[in-house]
């Protein structure tokens, strides 16, 4: 597997965050992952993934704040 990509959305305006995250996810092949870096718990994003991509991803917290949250999102 190649090196895990990182997507830091802390400087991205909020309305562009989810589209950019989903675009990054769509660019993954099965088994590939990226690490999302955010300034808050991305739990709402998790629920959106569950609604729209159920069974297509895994979600692993790597850091849980308080200032930086990191989640590894893998395409299954």
PDB file of N, CA and C in Angstrom:
ATOM      1  N   UNK A   1       0.842  -1.177   0.000  1.00  0.00           N
ATOM      2  CA  UNK A   1       0.000   0.000   0.000  1.00  0.00           C
ATOM      3  C   UNK A   1       0.886   1.238   0.000  1.00  0.00           C
ATOM      4  N   UNK A   2       0.415   2.286  -0.679  1.00  0.00           N
ATOM      5  CA  UNK A   2       1.182   3.516  -0.764  1.00  0.00           C
ATOM      6  C   UNK A   2       1.077   4.308   0.542  1.00  0.00           C
ATOM      7  N   UNK A   3       1.868   5.362   0.609  1.00  0.00           N
ATOM      8  CA  UNK A   3       1.855   6.221   1.799  1.00  0.00           C
ATOM      9  C   UNK A   3       0.464   6.836   1.983  1.00  0.00           C
ATOM     10  N   UNK A   4       0.020   6.897   3.213  1.00  0.00           N
ATOM     11  CA  UNK A   4      -1.302   7.445   3.507  1.00  0.00           C
ATOM     12  C   UNK A   4      -1.310   8.951   3.264  1.00  0.00           C
ATOM     13  N   UNK A   5      -2.283   9.398   2.517  1.00  0.00           N
ATOM     14  CA  UNK A   5      -2.452  10.826   2.239  1.00  0.00           C
ATOM     15  C   UNK A   5      -3.024  11.536   3.463  1.00  0.00           C
ATOM     16  N   UNK A   6      -2.794  12.839   3.523  1.00  0.00           N
ATOM     17  CA  UNK A   6      -3.337  13.667   4.595  1.00  0.00           C
ATOM     18  C   UNK A   6      -4.181  14.767   3.971  1.00  0.00           C
ATOM     19  N   UNK A   7      -5.337  15.011   4.557  1.00  0.00           N
ATOM     20  CA  UNK A   7      -6.197  16.103   4.115  1.00  0.00           C
ATOM     21  C   UNK A   7      -6.496  16.967   5.340  1.00  0.00           C
ATOM     22  N   UNK A   8      -5.892  18.141   5.383  1.00  0.00           N
ATOM     23  CA  UNK A   8      -6.082  19.078   6.487  1.00  0.00           C
ATOM     24  C   UNK A   8      -7.118  20.103   6.047  1.00  0.00           C
ATOM     25  N   UNK A   9      -8.301  20.068   6.661  1.00  0.00           N
ATOM     26  CA  UNK A   9      -9.375  20.976   6.247  1.00  0.00           C
ATOM     27  C   UNK A   9      -9.553  22.155   7.205  1.00  0.00           C
ATOM     28  N   UNK A  10      -8.631  22.331   8.123  1.00  0.00           N
ATOM     29  CA  UNK A  10      -8.782  23.411   9.107  1.00  0.00           C
ATOM     30  C   UNK A  10      -8.832  24.793   8.461  1.00  0.00           C
ATOM     31  N   UNK A  11      -8.158  24.975   7.331  1.00  0.00           N
ATOM     32  CA  UNK A  11      -8.136  26.284   6.675  1.00  0.00           C
ATOM     33  C   UNK A  11      -9.141  26.371   5.525  1.00  0.00           C
ATOM     34  N   UNK A  12      -9.901  25.308   5.295  1.00  0.00           N
ATOM     35  CA  UNK A  12     -10.899  25.283   4.226  1.00  0.00           C
ATOM     36  C   UNK A  12     -12.198  25.876   4.774  1.00  0.00           C
ATOM     37  N   UNK A  13     -12.865  26.715   3.975  1.00  0.00           N
ATOM     38  CA  UNK A  13     -14.118  27.289   4.465  1.00  0.00           C
ATOM     39  C   UNK A  13     -15.130  26.160   4.674  1.00  0.00           C
ATOM     40  N   UNK A  14     -15.937  26.260   5.732  1.00  0.00           N
ATOM     41  CA  UNK A  14     -16.801  25.144   6.133  1.00  0.00           C
ATOM     42  C   UNK A  14     -17.664  24.547   5.019  1.00  0.00           C
ATOM     43  N   UNK A  15     -18.262  25.364   4.158  1.00  0.00           N
ATOM     44  CA  UNK A  15     -19.148  24.793   3.143  1.00  0.00           C
ATOM     45  C   UNK A  15     -18.414  23.953   2.108  1.00  0.00           C
ATOM     46  N   UNK A  16     -17.088  24.105   2.020  1.00  0.00           N
ATOM     47  CA  UNK A  16     -16.301  23.337   1.049  1.00  0.00           C
ATOM     48  C   UNK A  16     -15.670  22.087   1.653  1.00  0.00           C
ATOM     49  N   UNK A  17     -15.755  21.938   2.971  1.00  0.00           N
ATOM     50  CA  UNK A  17     -15.061  20.823   3.628  1.00  0.00           C
ATOM     51  C   UNK A  17     -15.606  19.465   3.207  1.00  0.00           C
ATOM     52  N   UNK A  18     -16.902  19.225   3.380  1.00  0.00           N
ATOM     53  CA  UNK A  18     -17.450  17.899   3.080  1.00  0.00           C
ATOM     54  C   UNK A  18     -17.282  17.534   1.610  1.00  0.00           C
ATOM     55  N   UNK A  19     -17.566  18.446   0.660  1.00  0.00           N
ATOM     56  CA  UNK A  19     -17.321  18.086  -0.745  1.00  0.00           C
ATOM     57  C   UNK A  19     -15.863  17.703  -1.006  1.00  0.00           C
ATOM     58  N   UNK A  20     -14.918  18.417  -0.409  1.00  0.00           N
ATOM     59  CA  UNK A  20     -13.499  18.093  -0.621  1.00  0.00           C
ATOM     60  C   UNK A  20     -13.159  16.734  -0.004  1.00  0.00           C
ATOM     61  N   UNK A  21     -13.713  16.454   1.161  1.00  0.00           N
ATOM     62  CA  UNK A  21     -13.454  15.178   1.830  1.00  0.00           C
ATOM     63  C   UNK A  21     -14.021  14.026   1.004  1.00  0.00           C
ATOM     64  N   UNK A  22     -15.254  14.165   0.521  1.00  0.00           N
ATOM     65  CA  UNK A  22     -15.852  13.102  -0.277  1.00  0.00           C
ATOM     66  C   UNK A  22     -15.131  12.933  -1.614  1.00  0.00           C
ATOM     67  N   UNK A  23     -14.660  14.022  -2.201  1.00  0.00           N
ATOM     68  CA  UNK A  23     -13.883  13.934  -3.437  1.00  0.00           C
ATOM     69  C   UNK A  23     -12.585  13.157  -3.204  1.00  0.00           C
ATOM     70  N   UNK A  24     -11.924  13.429  -2.082  1.00  0.00           N
ATOM     71  CA  UNK A  24     -10.700  12.695  -1.735  1.00  0.00           C
ATOM     72  C   UNK A  24     -11.012  11.221  -1.552  1.00  0.00           C
ATOM     73  N   UNK A  25     -12.103  10.918  -0.848  1.00  0.00           N
ATOM     74  CA  UNK A  25     -12.504   9.524  -0.627  1.00  0.00           C
ATOM     75  C   UNK A  25     -12.768   8.820  -1.962  1.00  0.00           C
ATOM     76  N   UNK A  26     -13.453   9.489  -2.876  1.00  0.00           N
ATOM     77  CA  UNK A  26     -13.787   8.880  -4.169  1.00  0.00           C
ATOM     78  C   UNK A  26     -12.535   8.574  -4.988  1.00  0.00           C
ATOM     79  N   UNK A  27     -11.447   9.296  -4.728  1.00  0.00           N
ATOM     80  CA  UNK A  27     -10.197   9.056  -5.441  1.00  0.00           C
ATOM     81  C   UNK A  27      -9.401   7.874  -4.915  1.00  0.00           C
ATOM     82  N   UNK A  28      -9.865   7.260  -3.837  1.00  0.00           N
ATOM     83  CA  UNK A  28      -9.160   6.118  -3.252  1.00  0.00           C
ATOM     84  C   UNK A  28      -9.546   4.823  -3.944  1.00  0.00           C
ATOM     85  N   UNK A  29      -8.613   3.913  -4.016  1.00  0.00           N
ATOM     86  CA  UNK A  29      -8.894   2.538  -4.409  1.00  0.00           C
ATOM     87  C   UNK A  29      -9.181   1.736  -3.144  1.00  0.00           C
ATOM     88  N   UNK A  30      -9.784   0.586  -3.298  1.00  0.00           N
ATOM     89  CA  UNK A  30     -10.060  -0.277  -2.141  1.00  0.00           C
ATOM     90  C   UNK A  30      -8.764  -0.534  -1.382  1.00  0.00           C
ATOM     91  N   UNK A  31      -8.816  -0.370  -0.064  1.00  0.00           N
ATOM     92  CA  UNK A  31      -7.651  -0.587   0.785  1.00  0.00           C
ATOM     93  C   UNK A  31      -6.829   0.664   1.021  1.00  0.00           C
ATOM     94  N   UNK A  32      -7.051   1.719   0.252  1.00  0.00           N
ATOM     95  CA  UNK A  32      -6.319   2.965   0.456  1.00  0.00           C
ATOM     96  C   UNK A  32      -7.038   3.830   1.489  1.00  0.00           C
ATOM     97  N   UNK A  33      -6.267   4.735   2.105  1.00  0.00           N
ATOM     98  CA  UNK A  33      -6.817   5.571   3.168  1.00  0.00           C
ATOM     99  C   UNK A  33      -6.256   6.977   3.071  1.00  0.00           C
ATOM    100  N   UNK A  34      -6.910   7.884   3.772  1.00  0.00           N
ATOM    101  CA  UNK A  34      -6.342   9.208   4.006  1.00  0.00           C
ATOM    102  C   UNK A  34      -6.626   9.579   5.451  1.00  0.00           C
ATOM    103  N   UNK A  35      -5.799  10.484   5.980  1.00  0.00           N
ATOM    104  CA  UNK A  35      -5.996  10.978   7.335  1.00  0.00           C
ATOM    105  C   UNK A  35      -6.584  12.374   7.231  1.00  0.00           C
ATOM    106  N   UNK A  36      -7.757  12.522   7.807  1.00  0.00           N
ATOM    107  CA  UNK A  36      -8.435  13.807   7.863  1.00  0.00           C
ATOM    108  C   UNK A  36      -7.986  14.544   9.117  1.00  0.00           C
ATOM    109  N   UNK A  37      -7.600  15.799   8.958  1.00  0.00           N
ATOM    110  CA  UNK A  37      -7.239  16.645  10.091  1.00  0.00           C
ATOM    111  C   UNK A  37      -8.260  17.772  10.155  1.00  0.00           C
ATOM    112  N   UNK A  38      -8.872  17.940  11.326  1.00  0.00           N
ATOM    113  CA  UNK A  38      -9.935  18.920  11.482  1.00  0.00           C
ATOM    114  C   UNK A  38      -9.780  19.632  12.817  1.00  0.00           C
ATOM    115  N   UNK A  39     -10.498  20.751  12.973  1.00  0.00           N
ATOM    116  CA  UNK A  39     -10.412  21.530  14.209  1.00  0.00           C
ATOM    117  C   UNK A  39     -11.541  21.216  15.184  1.00  0.00           C
ATOM    118  N   UNK A  40     -12.375  20.229  14.840  1.00  0.00           N
ATOM    119  CA  UNK A  40     -13.448  19.795  15.737  1.00  0.00           C
ATOM    120  C   UNK A  40     -13.745  18.327  15.440  1.00  0.00           C
ATOM    121  N   UNK A  41     -14.498  17.699  16.326  1.00  0.00           N
ATOM    122  CA  UNK A  41     -14.864  16.300  16.126  1.00  0.00           C
ATOM    123  C   UNK A  41     -15.704  16.183  14.852  1.00  0.00           C
ATOM    124  N   UNK A  42     -15.251  15.404  13.878  1.00  0.00           N
ATOM    125  CA  UNK A  42     -15.992  15.287  12.631  1.00  0.00           C
ATOM    126  C   UNK A  42     -17.122  14.257  12.684  1.00  0.00           C
ATOM    127  N   UNK A  43     -17.737  14.086  13.846  1.00  0.00           N
ATOM    128  CA  UNK A  43     -18.826  13.121  13.987  1.00  0.00           C
ATOM    129  C   UNK A  43     -19.949  13.332  12.966  1.00  0.00           C
ATOM    130  N   UNK A  44     -20.380  14.578  12.671  1.00  0.00           N
ATOM    131  CA  UNK A  44     -21.425  14.734  11.650  1.00  0.00           C
ATOM    132  C   UNK A  44     -21.000  14.173  10.290  1.00  0.00           C
ATOM    133  N   UNK A  45     -19.715  14.295   9.975  1.00  0.00           N
ATOM    134  CA  UNK A  45     -19.197  13.722   8.732  1.00  0.00           C
ATOM    135  C   UNK A  45     -19.316  12.203   8.758  1.00  0.00           C
ATOM    136  N   UNK A  46     -19.023  11.598   9.903  1.00  0.00           N
ATOM    137  CA  UNK A  46     -19.174  10.143  10.037  1.00  0.00           C
ATOM    138  C   UNK A  46     -20.599   9.725   9.701  1.00  0.00           C
ATOM    139  N   UNK A  47     -21.577  10.452  10.233  1.00  0.00           N
ATOM    140  CA  UNK A  47     -22.975  10.100   9.975  1.00  0.00           C
ATOM    141  C   UNK A  47     -23.338  10.291   8.504  1.00  0.00           C
ATOM    142  N   UNK A  48     -22.731  11.280   7.861  1.00  0.00           N
ATOM    143  CA  UNK A  48     -22.965  11.459   6.425  1.00  0.00           C
ATOM    144  C   UNK A  48     -22.350  10.294   5.647  1.00  0.00           C
ATOM    145  N   UNK A  49     -21.147   9.872   6.027  1.00  0.00           N
ATOM    146  CA  UNK A  49     -20.547   8.693   5.390  1.00  0.00           C
ATOM    147  C   UNK A  49     -21.439   7.474   5.586  1.00  0.00           C
ATOM    148  N   UNK A  50     -21.949   7.288   6.800  1.00  0.00           N
ATOM    149  CA  UNK A  50     -22.834   6.137   7.075  1.00  0.00           C
ATOM    150  C   UNK A  50     -24.076   6.182   6.190  1.00  0.00           C
ATOM    151  N   UNK A  51     -24.623   7.368   5.978  1.00  0.00           N
ATOM    152  CA  UNK A  51     -25.835   7.504   5.170  1.00  0.00           C
ATOM    153  C   UNK A  51     -25.560   7.289   3.684  1.00  0.00           C
ATOM    154  N   UNK A  52     -24.401   7.782   3.211  1.00  0.00           N
ATOM    155  CA  UNK A  52     -24.148   7.799   1.774  1.00  0.00           C
ATOM    156  C   UNK A  52     -23.178   6.720   1.297  1.00  0.00           C
ATOM    157  N   UNK A  53     -22.341   6.189   2.192  1.00  0.00           N
ATOM    158  CA  UNK A  53     -21.307   5.220   1.780  1.00  0.00           C
ATOM    159  C   UNK A  53     -21.252   4.026   2.727  1.00  0.00           C
ATOM    160  N   UNK A  54     -22.373   3.657   3.310  1.00  0.00           N
ATOM    161  CA  UNK A  54     -22.410   2.548   4.273  1.00  0.00           C
ATOM    162  C   UNK A  54     -21.747   1.307   3.681  1.00  0.00           C
ATOM    163  N   UNK A  55     -20.857   0.694   4.473  1.00  0.00           N
ATOM    164  CA  UNK A  55     -20.180  -0.524   4.042  1.00  0.00           C
ATOM    165  C   UNK A  55     -18.999  -0.297   3.113  1.00  0.00           C
ATOM    166  N   UNK A  56     -18.694   0.967   2.801  1.00  0.00           N
ATOM    167  CA  UNK A  56     -17.610   1.268   1.858  1.00  0.00           C
ATOM    168  C   UNK A  56     -16.380   1.875   2.532  1.00  0.00           C
ATOM    169  N   UNK A  57     -16.422   2.021   3.872  1.00  0.00           N
ATOM    170  CA  UNK A  57     -15.330   2.720   4.547  1.00  0.00           C
ATOM    171  C   UNK A  57     -15.143   2.196   5.958  1.00  0.00           C
ATOM    172  N   UNK A  58     -13.952   2.464   6.504  1.00  0.00           N
ATOM    173  CA  UNK A  58     -13.724   2.321   7.940  1.00  0.00           C
ATOM    174  C   UNK A  58     -13.287   3.683   8.460  1.00  0.00           C
ATOM    175  N   UNK A  59     -13.505   3.894   9.751  1.00  0.00           N
ATOM    176  CA  UNK A  59     -13.295   5.198  10.403  1.00  0.00           C
ATOM    177  C   UNK A  59     -12.525   4.938  11.676  1.00  0.00           C
ATOM    178  N   UNK A  60     -11.331   5.493  11.785  1.00  0.00           N
ATOM    179  CA  UNK A  60     -10.493   5.263  12.966  1.00  0.00           C
ATOM    180  C   UNK A  60      -9.951   6.587  13.492  1.00  0.00           C
ATOM    181  N   UNK A  61     -10.349   6.935  14.715  1.00  0.00           N
ATOM    182  CA  UNK A  61      -9.800   8.145  15.328  1.00  0.00           C
ATOM    183  C   UNK A  61      -8.337   7.912  15.675  1.00  0.00           C
ATOM    184  N   UNK A  62      -7.481   8.873  15.289  1.00  0.00           N
ATOM    185  CA  UNK A  62      -6.061   8.842  15.642  1.00  0.00           C
ATOM    186  C   UNK A  62      -5.745   9.882  16.710  1.00  0.00           C
ATOM    187  N   UNK A  63      -6.505  10.973  16.730  1.00  0.00           N
ATOM    188  CA  UNK A  63      -6.357  12.030  17.742  1.00  0.00           C
ATOM    189  C   UNK A  63      -7.738  12.626  17.980  1.00  0.00           C
ATOM    190  N   UNK A  64      -8.052  12.859  19.259  1.00  0.00           N
ATOM    191  CA  UNK A  64      -9.375  13.373  19.631  1.00  0.00           C
ATOM    192  C   UNK A  64      -9.260  14.690  20.389  1.00  0.00           C
ATOM    193  N   UNK A  65      -8.796  15.717  19.686  1.00  0.00           N
ATOM    194  CA  UNK A  65      -8.803  17.071  20.223  1.00  0.00           C
ATOM    195  C   UNK A  65      -7.911  17.273  21.434  1.00  0.00           C
ATOM    196  N   UNK A  66      -8.079  18.391  22.098  1.00  0.00           N
ATOM    197  CA  UNK A  66      -9.187  19.335  21.915  1.00  0.00           C
ATOM    198  C   UNK A  66      -9.015  20.302  20.748  1.00  0.00           C
ATOM    199  N   UNK A  67      -7.790  20.510  20.258  1.00  0.00           N
ATOM    200  CA  UNK A  67      -7.588  21.482  19.177  1.00  0.00           C
ATOM    201  C   UNK A  67      -7.464  20.829  17.817  1.00  0.00           C
ATOM    202  N   UNK A  68      -7.030  19.593  17.771  1.00  0.00           N
ATOM    203  CA  UNK A  68      -6.844  18.904  16.489  1.00  0.00           C
ATOM    204  C   UNK A  68      -7.418  17.496  16.573  1.00  0.00           C
ATOM    205  N   UNK A  69      -8.232  17.179  15.607  1.00  0.00           N
ATOM    206  CA  UNK A  69      -8.831  15.850  15.492  1.00  0.00           C
ATOM    207  C   UNK A  69      -8.272  15.203  14.240  1.00  0.00           C
ATOM    208  N   UNK A  70      -7.907  13.924  14.337  1.00  0.00           N
ATOM    209  CA  UNK A  70      -7.413  13.183  13.174  1.00  0.00           C
ATOM    210  C   UNK A  70      -8.174  11.869  13.069  1.00  0.00           C
ATOM    211  N   UNK A  71      -8.608  11.578  11.846  1.00  0.00           N
ATOM    212  CA  UNK A  71      -9.349  10.356  11.579  1.00  0.00           C
ATOM    213  C   UNK A  71      -8.778   9.720  10.318  1.00  0.00           C
ATOM    214  N   UNK A  72      -8.481   8.427  10.413  1.00  0.00           N
ATOM    215  CA  UNK A  72      -8.080   7.669   9.211  1.00  0.00           C
ATOM    216  C   UNK A  72      -9.350   7.098   8.598  1.00  0.00           C
ATOM    217  N   UNK A  73      -9.602   7.488   7.349  1.00  0.00           N
ATOM    218  CA  UNK A  73     -10.758   6.986   6.602  1.00  0.00           C
ATOM    219  C   UNK A  73     -10.232   6.103   5.494  1.00  0.00           C
ATOM    220  N   UNK A  74     -10.634   4.834   5.530  1.00  0.00           N
ATOM    221  CA  UNK A  74     -10.153   3.843   4.570  1.00  0.00           C
ATOM    222  C   UNK A  74     -11.295   3.391   3.692  1.00  0.00           C
ATOM    223  N   UNK A  75     -11.042   3.284   2.398  1.00  0.00           N
ATOM    224  CA  UNK A  75     -12.042   2.742   1.476  1.00  0.00           C
ATOM    225  C   UNK A  75     -11.928   1.226   1.515  1.00  0.00           C
ATOM    226  N   UNK A  76     -13.051   0.546   1.758  1.00  0.00           N
ATOM    227  CA  UNK A  76     -13.031  -0.916   1.852  1.00  0.00           C
ATOM    228  C   UNK A  76     -13.424  -1.565   0.545  1.00  0.00           C
TER     229      UNK A  76
END
